[in-house]
Protein backbone atom coordinates (compact mmCIF):
# COMPACT_ATOMS: atom_id res chain seq x y z
CA MET A 1 -0.20 -0.03 0.04
CA GLU A 2 1.10 3.52 -0.98
CA GLU A 3 0.38 7.26 -0.02
CA TRP A 4 0.13 9.44 -2.35
CA THR A 5 -0.52 12.45 -0.70
CA ASP A 6 1.79 15.42 -0.53
CA PRO A 7 3.80 15.31 1.88
CA VAL A 8 4.00 12.02 2.58
CA ASP A 9 2.91 11.29 6.34
CA GLY A 10 2.35 7.81 6.64
CA GLU A 11 -1.49 8.79 8.19
CA LYS A 12 -3.61 7.49 5.09
CA ALA A 13 -1.11 4.36 4.30
CA LEU A 14 -1.68 3.81 8.42
CA PHE A 15 -5.36 4.35 8.24
CA PHE A 16 -5.86 1.41 5.22
CA TRP A 17 -3.59 -1.05 6.65
CA ASN A 18 -5.05 -0.92 9.59
CA LEU A 19 -8.80 -0.79 8.40
CA ASN A 20 -8.23 -3.85 6.04
CA GLY A 21 -6.58 -5.49 8.88
CA VAL A 22 -9.92 -5.00 10.95
CA ILE A 23 -11.74 -6.04 7.84
CA GLN A 24 -9.88 -9.17 6.43
CA ALA A 25 -7.93 -11.14 9.59
CA PRO A 26 -9.65 -11.00 12.61
CA SER A 27 -6.59 -10.58 15.42
CA THR A 28 -4.87 -13.82 15.88
CA SER A 29 -3.48 -13.12 19.52
CA PRO A 30 -6.34 -13.85 22.26
CA LEU A 31 -8.40 -11.51 23.42
CA PRO A 32 -8.58 -9.72 27.09
CA PRO A 33 -11.89 -10.33 28.74
CA LEU A 34 -13.60 -6.99 28.38
CA GLN A 35 -13.03 -7.44 24.62
CA LEU A 36 -14.23 -11.04 24.52
CA LEU A 37 -17.44 -9.28 26.35
CA ALA A 38 -17.69 -6.26 24.16
CA ARG A 39 -17.15 -9.13 21.39
CA TRP A 40 -20.52 -10.94 22.70
CA VAL A 41 -22.59 -8.18 23.54
CA LEU A 42 -21.72 -6.26 20.02
CA GLY A 43 -22.06 -9.73 17.74
CA ARG A 44 -22.08 -8.80 14.55
CA TRP A 45 -21.21 -5.50 14.94
CA TRP A 46 -17.55 -5.96 16.33
CA VAL A 47 -16.09 -5.26 13.47
CA GLU A 48 -17.75 -2.27 12.98
CA PHE A 49 -17.30 -1.08 16.01
CA GLN A 50 -13.17 -1.67 15.51
CA LEU A 51 -13.43 0.45 12.50
CA TRP A 52 -14.60 2.97 13.86
CA ASN A 53 -12.30 3.31 16.58
CA VAL A 54 -10.13 3.29 14.07
CA PHE A 55 -11.82 6.38 12.23
CA TRP A 56 -11.83 8.11 15.26
CA GLU A 57 -8.26 7.95 15.96
CA LEU A 58 -6.53 8.52 12.15
CA ASP A 59 -9.11 11.14 11.55
CA ASN A 60 -11.09 10.13 9.05
CA TRP A 61 -14.86 10.98 9.66
CA PRO A 62 -17.98 8.52 7.48
CA VAL A 63 -21.15 10.02 7.30
CA VAL A 64 -23.65 7.55 9.20
CA LEU A 65 -26.65 9.87 8.67
CA GLY A 66 -26.83 12.06 5.26
CA LEU A 67 -29.28 14.78 6.10
CA ARG A 68 -29.04 16.67 2.62
CA ASN A 69 -31.86 18.72 1.98
CA MET A 70 -33.95 17.57 5.18
CA LEU A 71 -34.42 20.98 5.81
CA GLY A 72 -35.73 21.70 2.15
CA GLU A 73 -33.39 24.21 -0.33
CA GLY A 74 -35.40 27.23 0.25
CA ARG A 75 -37.99 27.62 -2.12
CA ASP A 76 -39.46 24.45 -0.93
CA TRP A 77 -39.34 25.09 2.87
CA TRP A 78 -42.83 26.37 4.06
CA PRO A 79 -44.16 26.40 7.53
CA LEU A 80 -47.76 26.88 6.88
CA PRO A 81 -50.43 23.81 5.43
CA ILE A 82 -49.20 22.30 2.02
CA ASP A 83 -52.60 23.10 0.21
CA VAL A 84 -52.12 26.90 1.20
CA TYR A 85 -48.13 26.54 -0.32
CA LEU A 86 -49.50 24.71 -3.11
CA ARG A 87 -51.63 27.92 -4.34
CA VAL A 88 -48.84 30.71 -4.06
CA ARG A 89 -45.92 28.51 -4.79
CA ASP A 90 -45.42 30.10 -7.85
CA ARG A 91 -45.85 33.46 -6.88
CA LEU A 92 -42.92 32.99 -4.01
CA PRO A 93 -39.59 34.31 -4.35
CA GLU A 94 -36.48 31.94 -5.18
CA LEU A 95 -35.13 32.18 -1.54
CA SER A 96 -31.49 30.50 -2.42
CA CYS A 97 -29.72 31.99 0.76
CA LEU A 98 -32.40 29.99 3.35
CA GLY A 99 -30.99 26.96 0.76
CA ARG A 100 -27.37 27.74 1.29
CA TRP A 101 -28.17 28.52 5.33
CA ASN A 102 -30.21 25.06 6.06
CA ARG A 103 -26.94 23.09 3.74
CA LYS A 104 -24.99 24.35 6.50
CA VAL A 105 -27.54 23.64 9.51
CA GLU A 106 -27.83 19.91 7.84
CA GLY A 107 -24.32 19.87 7.52
CA TRP A 108 -23.51 20.78 11.29
CA LEU A 109 -26.13 18.40 12.39
CA GLU A 110 -24.56 15.50 10.41
CA TRP A 111 -20.81 16.67 11.74
CA VAL A 112 -22.40 16.87 15.31
CA ILE A 113 -24.11 13.51 14.71
CA ILE A 114 -21.34 12.03 13.63
CA LEU A 115 -18.76 13.12 16.20
CA VAL A 116 -21.46 12.13 19.55
CA LEU A 117 -21.39 8.44 17.61
CA LEU A 118 -17.18 8.34 17.18
CA GLY A 119 -16.94 9.40 20.58
CA LEU A 120 -19.10 7.40 22.11
CA VAL A 121 -17.47 4.33 20.48
CA GLN A 122 -13.98 5.34 20.94
CA GLY A 123 -14.92 5.93 24.66
CA VAL A 124 -16.11 2.33 24.88
CA GLY A 125 -12.91 1.15 22.74
CA TRP A 126 -10.67 2.98 25.63
CA VAL A 127 -12.41 1.35 28.54
CA VAL A 128 -12.16 -2.32 26.61
CA GLY A 129 -8.84 -1.86 25.08
CA VAL A 130 -9.58 -1.70 21.77
CA ARG A 131 -6.38 -0.29 19.69
CA ALA A 132 -7.06 1.57 15.99
CA VAL A 133 -3.40 0.88 14.90
CA GLU A 134 -2.23 -2.63 16.09
CA LYS A 135 1.70 -4.12 15.61
CA GLU A 136 0.28 -7.22 13.98
CA ARG A 137 -1.68 -5.81 11.25
CA THR A 138 0.74 -2.88 10.37
CA PRO A 139 3.94 -2.95 8.25
CA VAL A 140 7.27 -2.71 10.27
CA ALA A 141 8.52 1.08 9.06
CA LEU A 142 4.79 2.36 9.47
CA TRP A 143 4.56 0.97 13.01
CA GLU A 144 8.39 2.08 14.03
CA GLU A 145 6.93 6.00 12.78
CA TYR A 146 3.64 5.56 14.32
CA GLN A 147 5.92 4.54 17.79
CA ARG A 148 8.73 7.32 17.14
CA LYS A 149 6.02 10.06 16.65
CA GLY A 150 4.49 9.39 20.33
CA ARG A 151 1.70 7.44 19.47
CA ARG A 152 0.24 4.52 21.92
CA ASP A 153 1.27 0.88 21.61
């Protein structure tokens, strides 16, 4: 796996090595008791739980709930009954500023939801000892660079 970003800092390669490691090769070392309990409780969600810990620690933010156009696009937003809107809609001005504002609010709501969910998962991961970056799924040179930067092992 190569990183084609500028500057090459190893972060993307570290992310993808550990992401793929979680997906393709479950840990070969025995799990500690808290992780065994978490795995049993989470069932089929165990892999996603580990992935979300990788996302949090290595700064990759998945969209877990798309809210685009939830508030409308300006002209489509109407606080009164729909039959009133249908009678006057062609006479309404285009409210593009309202559409832009709505998209900003939707974006902030998406961001808050992502941060809250990933933060909760990361907190539980910290308690049970799930690591986003593990030595067994990271190439030696990349692992050494990760350790050199003062990351946890």
